[in-house]
């Protein structure tokens, strides 16, 4: 299994944040199915203030560069992503068009066990 961590900010508006959370309590079934088809095993999003952190656990064959773009080609996934972007704002480190940024692993307790 592989693990990837991404971060992003929501627009700093309590009503928008509440709506974003509401959407994530009822994610469209096609989005869930699409995620499973590309090898996602677990996908968790955490929120603090307006900062999001997403942890993806995937099968060993998963390639984020290929599989995320393959997922995004699906019509419902595209619709979902466009809808979610209305709540999101790119971080200052994002290139034009980038939203979720992959985080660098700087510590892993397992390496010391």
Foldseek 3Di string as FASTA:
>chain_A
DDKWKWKFFFPQDVVLVVVLVVCVVPPDPLLVVLCVVQFWPDWDWDDDRGMIMIMTDGPPVHDCVPSVVVSCVDPVNVVVVVVVVVGTDADPPDDPPDGIDIDDDDDDCVVVD
